[in-house]
Amino acid sequence: MNNLDFLNNFIEPVCAFSDGQIIFRNKSFCTEFSNFSSFEKFKKRFNFNLCFLSSDNITNLTPLDILVKSKENFHTICTFQKTNGEYIYYYIYTFKYFNYIVAVFKDVTSENSLEVYKKNYLELEGKYRQGQKDAEKYSKLQEHTQAQVLKMGIINRISLVIRETNNIQTILSCALGEIHNLLGAYKTYFSVKYKNDFKVKYVVPANEHFINQVTCYEKDILSRIKNKNIAVTSCLKEYTNTDAILPSGITRIIIPVYNKNKLLGIIVSLTKQKFKLEDNIEILESISVQLASSLIQSGLIEQLNKKNKKLEKTLNQLKETQVQLINTEKMASVGQLVSGVAHEINTPLASISSNTSMINKITNSENAIEENKLTLIKELNEINLEASKRISDIVLSLKRFVRLDEAQFQEADINNELDLTLKLMAHELKNNIKVTKNYSQLPHVLCRVNMLNQVFMNLLVNACHSINEKGEFGEISVTTAIVDKNLVVKIKDNGIGIKKEVQNKIFNAGFTTKKSGMGTGLGLAISKKIVELHKGSITFSSKENLGSEFVVSIPVNGLP
């Protein structure tokens, strides 16, 4: 054994094996493994961690079993259970010394721990660097989000103004103000295309002297505007046709405003701050699009307002013409009544004239007036009074019918108005036409009385002409009622009726079924307009040789 004493010079624990048994342990081994009792117990406290073998023979034995059985140099890293809760990592390697297998046990626990710590450190360092990258990414994302929120706020404010007003000055004030603040500008203005140059229309801050100033720009700037690109330049002059020199460090931003391919104008902003186009191009282009849209919309609305004013003027003229047309038709109706009214007046007038002559003869006689003559005079006076009253009623009825100045809505008793119209038409009715009145008790109706009477007159005259043309005794029924808060007037006759093929034309202006000189062709057309003016309707039903029925319906309170 003396030849193995050199193993005591090893700092690490060393032992020598022969025939599978430990035959030598150096001092370090005895110190390190002080509780060593037997090899069998000792080897069971070892477990593999890493194993490197020179052969392919791998078994499930303990590291020391393999060490003893291995015919080649052997090395491995394994764990040794020192106590119940303590483990030590050993790097074990062997070498042959004559017939002995010498095993060296090197404690690598600290080194292994260091590797673990180093590995953990590298993992933590990787996570830290990734965290830094994530933090930078989040910071950029946060900045981008804040910028987007700022931009969306600007767009929303401009959109709100555009929705609330069509006034281009208000919209320009808002849009230019937002750009002015966004770019930290000291001057921002909007110019419209003017010949080959531009003319200022609005400026922030306000400067009346600068309004309508014509501005010219360099060829390369005009080329960028033509290509719909935002132009960002540092320049000595704000525009070429000025003598004023800008201070150094001034940036000029020119934003073209297009509607499709039509250049509407440009927004020019001057700022002393650093400006990056890529950070602001999206918001500037959005504002440009919104401004272009509002300019077009305002222009269309302005044109629409002009057309509306023109249409309103035309409508007023049309209303005046319509009123004149209605009055003309009314006068035509009056003209048709004149001959009959004149005849109606002539009869009582002749009676008055004859009675007056007889009274003159009696009163001028030299003889005393006898009792029977006084009685005759009284009778003649009574006849004269009745005749005068009849003339007065006819004139009053005619006067009331003509009331052209009563164009406003007013309350009226429709039954009385129908009686008035029938009284004026007495000469048309008295020969061969019977009138049946089916009046309901009506409330006062809010209407334009004179116009409504004209409708009744037109319908009654047409009924009379239809019966007369048939050449037989006829009948006209006039019915009034209230149905669902609507006044309903029905005028029915048993005349010749209306041919089916022309029924869809009877309300057309100028169309008439009467003989030449008998009608104007405006009666029913104007009647329909008058009824529609009252928010009502006029309908009819008719059969040839059986007659027609016209139904007029209007709201009682003058509202639909």
Protein backbone atom coordinates (compact mmCIF):
# COMPACT_ATOMS: atom_id res chain seq x y z
CA MET A 1 0.00 0.00 0.00
CA ASN A 2 2.95 2.28 0.42
CA ASN A 3 3.02 2.92 -3.28
CA LEU A 4 -0.41 4.71 -3.01
CA ASP A 5 0.70 7.20 -0.36
CA PHE A 6 1.25 9.81 -3.01
CA LEU A 7 -2.53 10.12 -3.21
CA ASN A 8 -2.39 11.99 0.09
CA ASN A 9 -0.87 14.86 -1.84
CA PHE A 10 -4.26 15.43 -3.55
CA ILE A 11 -6.33 18.24 -2.09
CA GLU A 12 -9.51 16.49 -3.26
CA PRO A 13 -10.79 13.30 -1.68
CA VAL A 14 -9.21 10.30 -3.43
CA CYS A 15 -9.71 6.56 -3.02
CA ALA A 16 -8.32 3.52 -4.77
CA PHE A 17 -10.29 0.43 -5.79
CA SER A 18 -9.18 -3.09 -6.32
CA ASP A 19 -11.54 -5.92 -7.14
CA GLY A 20 -14.54 -3.64 -6.53
CA GLN A 21 -13.51 -2.68 -3.03
CA ILE A 22 -11.92 0.49 -1.64
CA ILE A 23 -8.39 -0.38 -0.55
CA PHE A 24 -7.08 3.14 0.02
CA ARG A 25 -8.54 6.50 1.14
CA ASN A 26 -6.43 9.63 1.37
CA LYS A 27 -6.65 12.09 4.19
CA SER A 28 -8.98 14.45 2.35
CA PHE A 29 -11.36 11.53 1.68
CA CYS A 30 -11.39 10.57 5.34
CA THR A 31 -12.06 14.17 6.32
CA GLU A 32 -14.72 14.75 3.65
CA PHE A 33 -16.53 11.48 4.23
CA SER A 34 -15.91 11.12 7.97
CA ASN A 35 -18.99 9.00 8.51
CA PHE A 36 -17.90 6.43 5.93
CA SER A 37 -18.69 2.95 7.28
CA SER A 38 -18.83 0.66 4.27
CA PHE A 39 -18.64 0.95 0.50
CA GLU A 40 -22.14 -0.52 0.05
CA LYS A 41 -23.75 2.17 2.16
CA PHE A 42 -21.46 4.84 0.74
CA LYS A 43 -22.28 4.17 -2.94
CA LYS A 44 -26.07 4.29 -2.35
CA ARG A 45 -25.79 7.92 -1.35
CA PHE A 46 -24.67 8.85 -4.88
CA ASN A 47 -27.04 9.67 -7.78
CA PHE A 48 -26.30 10.69 -11.33
CA ASN A 49 -26.59 14.34 -12.38
CA LEU A 50 -24.45 14.15 -15.54
CA CYS A 51 -22.61 11.14 -16.85
CA PHE A 52 -20.01 11.01 -19.63
CA LEU A 53 -18.86 7.53 -20.60
CA SER A 54 -16.35 6.45 -23.18
CA SER A 55 -18.51 3.44 -24.01
CA ASP A 56 -22.11 2.94 -24.93
CA ASN A 57 -22.72 0.72 -21.90
CA ILE A 58 -25.15 2.63 -19.70
CA THR A 59 -26.83 0.86 -16.78
CA ASN A 60 -29.12 1.78 -13.94
CA LEU A 61 -26.43 1.29 -11.31
CA THR A 62 -25.12 4.00 -9.00
CA PRO A 63 -22.22 6.13 -10.25
CA LEU A 64 -19.75 4.21 -8.00
CA ASP A 65 -21.00 0.84 -9.33
CA ILE A 66 -20.29 1.96 -12.84
CA LEU A 67 -16.99 3.49 -11.76
CA VAL A 68 -15.83 0.14 -10.36
CA LYS A 69 -17.13 -1.89 -13.31
CA SER A 70 -15.89 0.48 -16.01
CA LYS A 71 -12.83 -0.77 -17.89
CA GLU A 72 -12.20 2.69 -19.24
CA ASN A 73 -11.45 6.00 -17.70
CA PHE A 74 -14.67 7.30 -16.25
CA HIS A 75 -15.96 10.73 -15.29
CA THR A 76 -19.31 12.03 -14.21
CA ILE A 77 -21.11 14.70 -12.19
CA CYS A 78 -23.37 13.34 -9.49
CA THR A 79 -25.11 14.32 -6.28
CA PHE A 80 -24.18 13.05 -2.87
CA GLN A 81 -26.70 13.05 -0.04
CA LYS A 82 -24.73 14.30 2.91
CA THR A 83 -27.69 14.67 5.27
CA ASN A 84 -31.42 14.34 4.86
CA GLY A 85 -31.77 17.86 3.44
CA GLU A 86 -28.28 18.57 2.10
CA TYR A 87 -26.88 17.50 -1.26
CA ILE A 88 -23.37 18.07 -2.64
CA TYR A 89 -22.40 17.97 -6.31
CA TYR A 90 -19.19 15.98 -7.09
CA TYR A 91 -17.25 15.74 -10.26
CA ILE A 92 -15.80 12.21 -10.20
CA TYR A 93 -13.11 11.05 -12.58
CA THR A 94 -10.93 7.95 -12.56
CA PHE A 95 -7.59 6.86 -13.91
CA LYS A 96 -5.69 3.59 -13.90
CA TYR A 97 -2.67 3.18 -11.70
CA PHE A 98 -1.20 -0.22 -12.24
CA ASN A 99 -3.96 -2.60 -11.22
CA TYR A 100 -5.80 0.00 -9.24
CA ILE A 101 -8.68 2.27 -10.17
CA VAL A 102 -8.07 5.66 -8.60
CA ALA A 103 -11.20 7.88 -8.12
CA VAL A 104 -10.93 11.58 -7.47
CA PHE A 105 -13.97 13.39 -5.89
CA LYS A 106 -14.02 17.10 -6.67
CA ASP A 107 -16.68 19.22 -4.90
CA VAL A 108 -18.37 21.31 -7.63
CA THR A 109 -21.40 22.36 -5.58
CA SER A 110 -20.43 26.02 -5.58
CA GLU A 111 -19.53 25.89 -9.25
CA ASN A 112 -22.82 24.19 -10.05
CA SER A 113 -24.70 26.76 -7.98
CA LEU A 114 -22.78 29.46 -9.77
CA GLU A 115 -23.84 28.00 -13.11
CA VAL A 116 -27.42 27.88 -11.91
CA TYR A 117 -27.19 31.46 -10.67
CA LYS A 118 -25.47 32.46 -13.87
CA LYS A 119 -28.20 30.75 -15.88
CA ASN A 120 -30.88 32.42 -13.75
CA TYR A 121 -29.03 35.70 -14.11
CA LEU A 122 -28.92 35.36 -17.88
CA GLU A 123 -32.63 34.51 -17.90
CA LEU A 124 -33.38 37.49 -15.69
CA GLU A 125 -31.14 39.68 -17.81
CA GLY A 126 -32.99 38.51 -20.91
CA LYS A 127 -36.32 39.21 -19.24
CA TYR A 128 -35.03 42.61 -18.13
CA ARG A 129 -33.94 43.50 -21.63
CA GLN A 130 -37.24 42.23 -23.01
CA GLY A 131 -38.99 44.28 -20.32
CA GLN A 132 -37.03 47.33 -21.42
CA LYS A 133 -38.04 46.68 -25.02
CA ASP A 134 -41.66 46.18 -23.97
CA ALA A 135 -41.51 49.36 -21.88
CA GLU A 136 -40.08 51.31 -24.84
CA LYS A 137 -42.72 49.75 -27.10
CA TYR A 138 -45.45 50.58 -24.58
CA SER A 139 -44.10 54.10 -24.20
CA LYS A 140 -44.15 54.57 -27.98
CA LEU A 141 -47.61 53.01 -28.12
CA GLN A 142 -48.75 55.34 -25.34
CA GLU A 143 -47.31 58.34 -27.18
CA HIS A 144 -48.95 57.16 -30.40
CA THR A 145 -52.25 56.61 -28.59
CA GLN A 146 -52.09 60.06 -27.00
CA ALA A 147 -51.31 61.54 -30.41
CA GLN A 148 -54.23 59.62 -31.94
CA VAL A 149 -56.55 60.81 -29.16
CA LEU A 150 -55.36 64.37 -29.76
CA LYS A 151 -55.92 64.00 -33.49
CA MET A 152 -59.33 62.37 -33.04
CA GLY A 153 -60.29 65.20 -30.69
CA ILE A 154 -59.36 67.73 -33.36
CA ILE A 155 -61.28 65.84 -36.06
CA ASN A 156 -64.33 65.46 -33.79
CA ARG A 157 -64.37 69.16 -32.90
CA ILE A 158 -64.20 70.14 -36.56
CA SER A 159 -66.87 67.54 -37.44
CA LEU A 160 -69.13 68.89 -34.69
CA VAL A 161 -68.85 72.43 -36.05
CA ILE A 162 -69.54 71.18 -39.60
CA ARG A 163 -72.65 69.32 -38.38
CA GLU A 164 -73.94 72.34 -36.45
CA THR A 165 -73.48 74.99 -39.12
CA ASN A 166 -73.06 75.50 -42.84
CA ASN A 167 -71.41 78.89 -42.35
CA ILE A 168 -68.06 78.62 -44.11
CA GLN A 169 -66.50 81.38 -41.98
CA THR A 170 -67.31 79.46 -38.79
CA ILE A 171 -65.96 76.20 -40.26
CA LEU A 172 -62.76 77.86 -41.48
CA SER A 173 -62.28 79.53 -38.09
CA CYS A 174 -62.50 76.16 -36.35
CA ALA A 175 -60.33 74.20 -38.82
CA LEU A 176 -57.58 76.82 -39.06
CA GLY A 177 -57.64 77.34 -35.30
CA GLU A 178 -57.08 73.61 -34.70
CA ILE A 179 -54.20 73.47 -37.22
CA HIS A 180 -52.76 76.66 -35.72
CA ASN A 181 -52.68 75.12 -32.24
CA LEU A 182 -51.52 71.68 -33.42
CA LEU A 183 -48.47 73.09 -35.22
CA GLY A 184 -47.74 75.77 -32.64
CA ALA A 185 -47.96 78.28 -35.49
CA TYR A 186 -47.83 82.04 -35.23
CA LYS A 187 -49.79 82.53 -38.47
CA THR A 188 -52.23 80.29 -40.37
CA TYR A 189 -54.48 81.21 -43.28
CA PHE A 190 -56.66 79.78 -46.02
CA SER A 191 -56.34 80.94 -49.63
CA VAL A 192 -58.53 80.11 -52.62
CA LYS A 193 -57.30 79.51 -56.18
CA TYR A 194 -57.08 82.85 -57.97
CA LYS A 195 -56.02 82.68 -61.62
CA ASN A 196 -52.49 81.16 -61.44
CA ASP A 197 -51.97 82.27 -57.83
CA PHE A 198 -53.91 82.31 -54.55
CA LYS A 199 -55.98 84.87 -52.66
CA VAL A 200 -56.24 84.90 -48.84
CA LYS A 201 -59.80 84.51 -47.51
CA TYR A 202 -59.35 83.78 -43.80
CA VAL A 203 -56.43 84.21 -41.40
CA VAL A 204 -55.59 83.25 -37.79
CA PRO A 205 -55.03 85.41 -35.83
CA ALA A 206 -57.45 87.83 -37.50
CA ASN A 207 -55.83 90.40 -39.78
CA GLU A 208 -58.20 92.36 -42.01
CA HIS A 209 -55.31 93.92 -43.96
CA PHE A 210 -54.11 90.47 -45.02
CA ILE A 211 -57.53 89.35 -46.35
CA ASN A 212 -57.68 89.25 -50.22
CA GLN A 213 -53.87 89.39 -50.39
CA VAL A 214 -52.70 87.62 -53.56
CA THR A 215 -49.83 85.19 -52.85
CA CYS A 216 -47.44 83.50 -55.29
CA TYR A 217 -45.18 80.48 -54.64
CA GLU A 218 -42.12 78.79 -56.08
CA LYS A 219 -42.46 76.32 -58.98
CA ASP A 220 -41.50 73.30 -56.88
CA ILE A 221 -44.14 74.26 -54.28
CA LEU A 222 -46.78 74.63 -57.01
CA SER A 223 -45.73 71.22 -58.35
CA ARG A 224 -46.25 69.62 -54.91
CA ILE A 225 -49.64 71.30 -54.58
CA LYS A 226 -50.59 70.05 -58.04
CA ASN A 227 -49.65 66.50 -56.96
CA LYS A 228 -51.81 66.89 -53.81
CA ASN A 229 -48.75 66.69 -51.55
CA ILE A 230 -48.18 68.68 -48.35
CA ALA A 231 -45.18 70.98 -48.81
CA VAL A 232 -42.87 71.58 -45.80
CA THR A 233 -40.00 74.01 -46.35
CA SER A 234 -37.71 76.42 -44.57
CA CYS A 235 -37.86 79.64 -46.53
CA LEU A 236 -36.67 83.24 -46.43
CA LYS A 237 -39.97 84.61 -47.78
CA GLU A 238 -43.52 83.67 -46.86
CA TYR A 239 -44.46 83.96 -50.55
CA THR A 240 -42.48 85.11 -53.56
CA ASN A 241 -44.32 88.39 -54.19
CA THR A 242 -43.36 89.94 -50.83
CA ASP A 243 -40.33 91.94 -49.75
CA ALA A 244 -40.54 90.84 -46.11
CA ILE A 245 -37.77 88.47 -44.98
CA LEU A 246 -38.65 85.74 -42.47
CA PRO A 247 -36.44 85.13 -39.41
CA SER A 248 -34.25 82.03 -39.50
CA GLY A 249 -35.74 78.80 -38.20
CA ILE A 250 -39.21 79.40 -39.64
CA THR A 251 -40.99 76.41 -41.20
CA ARG A 252 -43.76 76.91 -43.75
CA ILE A 253 -46.36 74.17 -44.16
CA ILE A 254 -48.69 74.32 -47.20
CA ILE A 255 -51.64 71.89 -47.22
CA PRO A 256 -53.59 71.57 -50.51
CA VAL A 257 -57.38 71.29 -50.23
CA TYR A 258 -58.88 69.21 -53.05
CA ASN A 259 -62.33 67.96 -53.96
CA LYS A 260 -61.50 64.98 -56.17
CA ASN A 261 -59.24 66.59 -58.80
CA LYS A 262 -60.42 70.16 -58.27
CA LEU A 263 -58.12 72.41 -56.20
CA LEU A 264 -60.28 74.51 -53.88
CA GLY A 265 -57.46 76.28 -52.07
CA ILE A 266 -54.52 75.87 -49.69
CA ILE A 267 -53.91 76.13 -45.95
CA VAL A 268 -50.63 77.88 -45.11
CA SER A 269 -49.13 77.71 -41.62
CA LEU A 270 -45.90 79.32 -40.32
CA THR A 271 -44.26 77.92 -37.19
CA LYS A 272 -41.04 78.32 -35.20
CA GLN A 273 -41.32 74.83 -33.72
CA LYS A 274 -39.67 71.70 -35.09
CA PHE A 275 -42.04 69.95 -37.45
CA LYS A 276 -42.08 66.32 -38.58
CA LEU A 277 -44.46 65.71 -41.46
CA GLU A 278 -44.65 61.96 -40.83
CA ASP A 279 -46.02 62.60 -37.32
CA ASN A 280 -48.77 64.94 -38.53
CA ILE A 281 -49.53 64.00 -42.13
CA GLU A 282 -52.55 61.86 -41.23
CA ILE A 283 -54.31 64.55 -39.20
CA LEU A 284 -53.50 67.31 -41.70
CA GLU A 285 -54.84 65.25 -44.60
CA SER A 286 -58.00 64.44 -42.59
CA ILE A 287 -58.59 68.12 -41.87
CA SER A 288 -58.00 68.91 -45.56
CA VAL A 289 -60.60 66.31 -46.62
CA GLN A 290 -63.15 67.57 -44.07
CA LEU A 291 -62.59 71.18 -45.09
CA ALA A 292 -62.96 70.30 -48.78
CA SER A 293 -66.22 68.49 -48.05
CA SER A 294 -67.61 71.40 -46.03
CA LEU A 295 -66.58 73.92 -48.71
CA ILE A 296 -68.42 71.93 -51.37
CA GLN A 297 -71.40 71.45 -49.07
CA SER A 298 -71.52 75.15 -48.20
CA GLY A 299 -71.30 76.04 -51.88
CA LEU A 300 -74.15 73.68 -52.69
CA ILE A 301 -76.23 75.03 -49.82
CA GLU A 302 -75.56 78.60 -50.97
CA GLN A 303 -76.70 77.66 -54.47
CA LEU A 304 -79.70 75.87 -52.99
CA ASN A 305 -80.60 78.95 -50.92
CA LYS A 306 -80.43 81.11 -54.02
CA LYS A 307 -82.63 78.65 -55.90
CA ASN A 308 -85.01 78.47 -52.94
CA LYS A 309 -85.32 82.25 -52.88
CA LYS A 310 -85.95 82.22 -56.62
CA LEU A 311 -88.50 79.41 -56.21
CA GLU A 312 -90.13 81.26 -53.31
CA LYS A 313 -90.42 84.35 -55.48
CA THR A 314 -91.86 82.25 -58.31
CA LEU A 315 -94.25 80.56 -55.88
CA ASN A 316 -95.47 83.92 -54.61
CA GLN A 317 -96.00 85.02 -58.19
CA LEU A 318 -97.81 81.74 -58.87
CA LYS A 319 -100.03 82.26 -55.81
CA GLU A 320 -100.86 85.77 -56.99
CA THR A 321 -101.62 84.38 -60.44
CA GLN A 322 -103.70 81.61 -58.89
CA VAL A 323 -105.70 84.14 -56.85
CA GLN A 324 -106.20 86.20 -59.98
CA LEU A 325 -107.28 83.06 -61.84
CA ILE A 326 -109.74 82.14 -59.08
CA ASN A 327 -111.12 85.69 -59.11
CA THR A 328 -111.34 85.58 -62.90
CA GLU A 329 -113.28 82.34 -62.75
CA LYS A 330 -115.48 83.85 -60.05
CA MET A 331 -116.20 86.84 -62.25
CA ALA A 332 -116.95 84.42 -65.10
CA SER A 333 -119.45 82.68 -62.82
CA VAL A 334 -120.94 86.04 -61.91
CA GLY A 335 -121.12 86.82 -65.62
CA GLN A 336 -123.12 83.65 -66.19
CA LEU A 337 -125.48 84.71 -63.40
CA VAL A 338 -125.96 88.27 -64.65
CA SER A 339 -128.58 87.55 -67.33
CA GLY A 340 -130.64 85.42 -64.96
CA VAL A 341 -130.27 87.90 -62.11
CA ALA A 342 -131.26 90.74 -64.45
CA HIS A 343 -134.41 88.83 -65.37
CA GLU A 344 -135.13 88.18 -61.71
CA ILE A 345 -134.77 91.90 -60.97
CA ASN A 346 -136.82 93.04 -64.02
CA THR A 347 -140.01 91.26 -62.88
CA PRO A 348 -140.36 92.97 -59.47
CA LEU A 349 -139.04 96.20 -60.99
CA ALA A 350 -141.80 96.18 -63.66
CA SER A 351 -144.32 95.52 -60.90
CA ILE A 352 -143.06 98.52 -58.92
CA SER A 353 -143.12 100.71 -62.05
CA SER A 354 -146.69 99.73 -62.96
CA ASN A 355 -147.94 100.19 -59.39
CA THR A 356 -146.25 103.57 -59.17
CA SER A 357 -148.07 104.76 -62.33
CA MET A 358 -151.43 103.65 -60.96
CA ILE A 359 -150.79 105.38 -57.63
CA ASN A 360 -149.88 108.58 -59.50
CA LYS A 361 -153.12 108.50 -61.47
CA ILE A 362 -155.19 107.95 -58.34
CA THR A 363 -153.47 110.64 -56.29
CA ASN A 364 -153.50 113.19 -59.15
CA SER A 365 -157.28 112.81 -59.67
CA GLU A 366 -159.34 115.94 -58.77
CA ASN A 367 -161.99 113.77 -57.27
CA ALA A 368 -161.86 112.77 -53.64
CA ILE A 369 -160.11 109.48 -53.02
CA GLU A 370 -162.68 106.84 -52.33
CA GLU A 371 -162.34 104.17 -49.71
CA ASN A 372 -161.86 101.37 -52.24
CA LYS A 373 -159.09 103.36 -53.95
CA LEU A 374 -157.27 103.80 -50.61
CA THR A 375 -157.43 100.04 -50.12
CA LEU A 376 -156.00 99.58 -53.63
CA ILE A 377 -153.20 102.03 -52.88
CA LYS A 378 -152.29 100.09 -49.70
CA GLU A 379 -152.23 96.80 -51.64
CA LEU A 380 -150.02 98.35 -54.33
CA ASN A 381 -147.63 99.66 -51.64
CA GLU A 382 -147.40 96.21 -50.07
CA ILE A 383 -146.62 94.72 -53.47
CA ASN A 384 -143.99 97.41 -54.01
CA LEU A 385 -142.42 96.69 -50.63
CA GLU A 386 -142.25 92.95 -51.37
CA ALA A 387 -140.79 93.62 -54.82
CA SER A 388 -138.20 96.00 -53.35
CA LYS A 389 -137.27 93.43 -50.69
CA ARG A 390 -136.86 90.80 -53.39
CA ILE A 391 -134.58 93.09 -55.42
CA SER A 392 -132.63 93.94 -52.26
CA ASP A 393 -132.18 90.26 -51.39
CA ILE A 394 -130.96 89.46 -54.90
CA VAL A 395 -128.46 92.35 -54.87
CA LEU A 396 -127.29 91.44 -51.34
CA SER A 397 -126.83 87.80 -52.31
CA LEU A 398 -124.86 88.80 -55.39
CA LYS A 399 -122.75 91.18 -53.30
CA ARG A 400 -122.02 88.48 -50.73
CA PHE A 401 -121.10 85.98 -53.42
CA VAL A 402 -118.65 88.37 -55.08
CA ARG A 403 -116.77 89.14 -51.76
CA LEU A 404 -113.31 88.96 -53.40
CA ASP A 405 -111.62 90.70 -50.48
CA GLU A 406 -112.59 88.00 -47.97
CA ALA A 407 -109.54 85.78 -48.53
CA GLN A 408 -108.76 84.89 -44.90
CA PHE A 409 -110.05 81.88 -43.00
CA GLN A 410 -113.16 82.64 -40.95
CA GLU A 411 -116.02 80.74 -39.38
CA ALA A 412 -119.08 80.22 -41.56
CA ASP A 413 -122.47 78.48 -41.53
CA ILE A 414 -122.19 76.24 -44.59
CA ASN A 415 -125.93 75.55 -44.75
CA ASN A 416 -126.58 79.30 -45.06
CA GLU A 417 -123.83 79.63 -47.67
CA LEU A 418 -125.42 76.87 -49.75
CA ASP A 419 -128.79 78.62 -49.48
CA LEU A 420 -127.16 81.84 -50.65
CA THR A 421 -125.70 80.10 -53.70
CA LEU A 422 -129.02 78.40 -54.52
CA LYS A 423 -130.86 81.73 -54.22
CA LEU A 424 -128.52 83.28 -56.81
CA MET A 425 -129.22 80.33 -59.11
CA ALA A 426 -133.03 80.56 -58.83
CA HIS A 427 -133.39 81.36 -62.55
CA GLU A 428 -131.42 78.19 -63.43
CA LEU A 429 -133.57 75.98 -61.21
CA LYS A 430 -137.18 77.23 -61.42
CA ASN A 431 -138.20 75.73 -64.77
CA ASN A 432 -137.56 71.99 -64.62
CA ILE A 433 -135.19 71.27 -61.70
CA LYS A 434 -136.15 70.35 -58.18
CA VAL A 435 -133.67 70.92 -55.35
CA THR A 436 -133.76 68.61 -52.32
CA LYS A 437 -131.90 69.80 -49.24
CA ASN A 438 -130.64 67.17 -46.79
CA TYR A 439 -128.95 69.47 -44.33
CA SER A 440 -127.50 68.21 -41.04
CA GLN A 441 -127.04 70.49 -38.07
CA LEU A 442 -123.51 71.77 -38.58
CA PRO A 443 -121.06 73.62 -36.36
CA HIS A 444 -119.40 76.71 -37.80
CA VAL A 445 -116.62 75.68 -40.14
CA LEU A 446 -113.27 77.51 -40.40
CA CYS A 447 -112.83 78.25 -44.11
CA ARG A 448 -112.41 80.86 -46.85
CA VAL A 449 -116.11 81.46 -47.39
CA ASN A 450 -116.04 83.23 -50.74
CA MET A 451 -113.81 80.55 -52.28
CA LEU A 452 -115.91 77.69 -50.91
CA ASN A 453 -119.09 79.33 -52.29
CA GLN A 454 -117.40 79.39 -55.67
CA VAL A 455 -116.90 75.62 -55.43
CA PHE A 456 -120.58 75.11 -54.60
CA MET A 457 -121.59 77.45 -57.45
CA ASN A 458 -119.40 75.57 -59.97
CA LEU A 459 -120.78 72.18 -58.93
CA LEU A 460 -124.42 73.37 -58.91
CA VAL A 461 -124.11 75.13 -62.28
CA ASN A 462 -122.54 71.97 -63.79
CA ALA A 463 -125.41 69.91 -62.34
CA CYS A 464 -128.00 72.28 -63.88
CA HIS A 465 -126.28 72.19 -67.29
CA SER A 466 -126.09 68.37 -67.14
CA ILE A 467 -129.86 68.14 -66.45
CA ASN A 468 -130.76 70.77 -69.08
CA GLU A 469 -128.64 68.97 -71.68
CA LYS A 470 -130.57 65.79 -70.95
CA GLY A 471 -133.79 67.71 -71.68
CA GLU A 472 -135.89 66.09 -68.94
CA PHE A 473 -137.21 67.09 -65.54
CA GLY A 474 -134.32 66.75 -63.13
CA GLU A 475 -133.45 66.74 -59.50
CA ILE A 476 -130.47 67.98 -57.53
CA SER A 477 -129.90 66.83 -53.95
CA VAL A 478 -127.60 68.79 -51.61
CA THR A 479 -126.48 66.90 -48.51
CA THR A 480 -124.36 68.16 -45.60
CA ALA A 481 -122.87 66.16 -42.72
CA ILE A 482 -119.95 65.90 -40.30
CA VAL A 483 -117.85 62.75 -40.70
CA ASP A 484 -114.70 62.22 -38.57
CA LYS A 485 -114.32 65.96 -37.82
CA ASN A 486 -114.66 66.74 -41.54
CA LEU A 487 -117.39 68.74 -43.24
CA VAL A 488 -118.85 66.68 -46.09
CA VAL A 489 -121.00 68.31 -48.82
CA LYS A 490 -122.54 66.05 -51.48
CA ILE A 491 -124.14 67.50 -54.65
CA LYS A 492 -125.91 64.86 -56.72
CA ASP A 493 -127.83 65.20 -60.01
CA ASN A 494 -129.64 62.90 -62.43
CA GLY A 495 -128.27 64.55 -65.57
CA ILE A 496 -126.40 63.06 -68.52
CA GLY A 497 -123.36 62.09 -66.43
CA ILE A 498 -119.72 62.07 -67.51
CA LYS A 499 -118.34 59.72 -70.14
CA LYS A 500 -115.97 57.13 -68.66
CA GLU A 501 -113.15 57.90 -71.12
CA VAL A 502 -112.90 61.55 -70.00
CA GLN A 503 -113.46 61.10 -66.26
CA ASN A 504 -109.71 61.26 -65.54
CA LYS A 505 -109.50 64.67 -67.28
CA ILE A 506 -112.30 66.68 -65.71
CA PHE A 507 -110.05 68.38 -63.12
CA ASN A 508 -107.50 69.43 -65.79
CA ALA A 509 -107.38 73.16 -66.43
CA GLY A 510 -108.88 74.05 -69.81
CA PHE A 511 -110.80 70.77 -70.20
CA THR A 512 -114.61 71.03 -70.62
CA THR A 513 -117.40 68.79 -71.89
CA LYS A 514 -119.69 71.77 -72.56
CA LYS A 515 -120.39 73.28 -75.94
CA SER A 516 -118.22 76.09 -77.26
CA GLY A 517 -118.89 79.34 -75.40
CA MET A 518 -120.66 77.52 -72.53
CA GLY A 519 -117.65 77.05 -70.22
CA THR A 520 -114.07 78.13 -69.55
CA GLY A 521 -112.72 74.70 -68.58
CA LEU A 522 -111.46 76.15 -65.29
CA GLY A 523 -114.41 75.54 -62.96
CA LEU A 524 -113.52 72.08 -61.65
CA ALA A 525 -109.74 72.69 -61.81
CA ILE A 526 -110.08 75.79 -59.63
CA SER A 527 -112.61 74.02 -57.37
CA LYS A 528 -110.03 71.28 -56.73
CA LYS A 529 -107.33 73.88 -55.94
CA ILE A 530 -109.68 75.66 -53.52
CA VAL A 531 -110.54 72.39 -51.72
CA GLU A 532 -106.84 71.43 -51.52
CA LEU A 533 -106.14 74.89 -50.10
CA HIS A 534 -108.53 73.89 -47.29
CA LYS A 535 -106.49 70.64 -46.79
CA GLY A 536 -109.50 68.69 -48.09
CA SER A 537 -110.48 66.52 -51.03
CA ILE A 538 -113.01 66.51 -53.86
CA THR A 539 -114.13 63.22 -55.41
CA PHE A 540 -116.91 62.13 -57.75
CA SER A 541 -118.76 59.15 -59.17
CA SER A 542 -120.68 59.25 -62.43
CA LYS A 543 -122.56 57.02 -64.86
CA GLU A 544 -123.68 58.02 -68.35
CA ASN A 545 -127.36 59.06 -68.55
CA LEU A 546 -127.80 58.37 -64.80
CA GLY A 547 -126.08 61.42 -63.34
CA SER A 548 -123.11 62.39 -61.16
CA GLU A 549 -122.33 62.93 -57.50
CA PHE A 550 -119.53 65.21 -56.29
CA VAL A 551 -118.31 64.97 -52.67
CA VAL A 552 -116.37 67.81 -51.03
CA SER A 553 -114.65 67.08 -47.70
CA ILE A 554 -112.70 69.63 -45.62
CA PRO A 555 -111.58 69.73 -41.94
CA VAL A 556 -114.05 71.54 -39.67
CA ASN A 557 -111.26 73.40 -37.83
CA GLY A 558 -109.32 74.31 -40.97
CA LEU A 559 -106.53 71.80 -40.15
CA PRO A 560 -105.84 68.41 -41.79
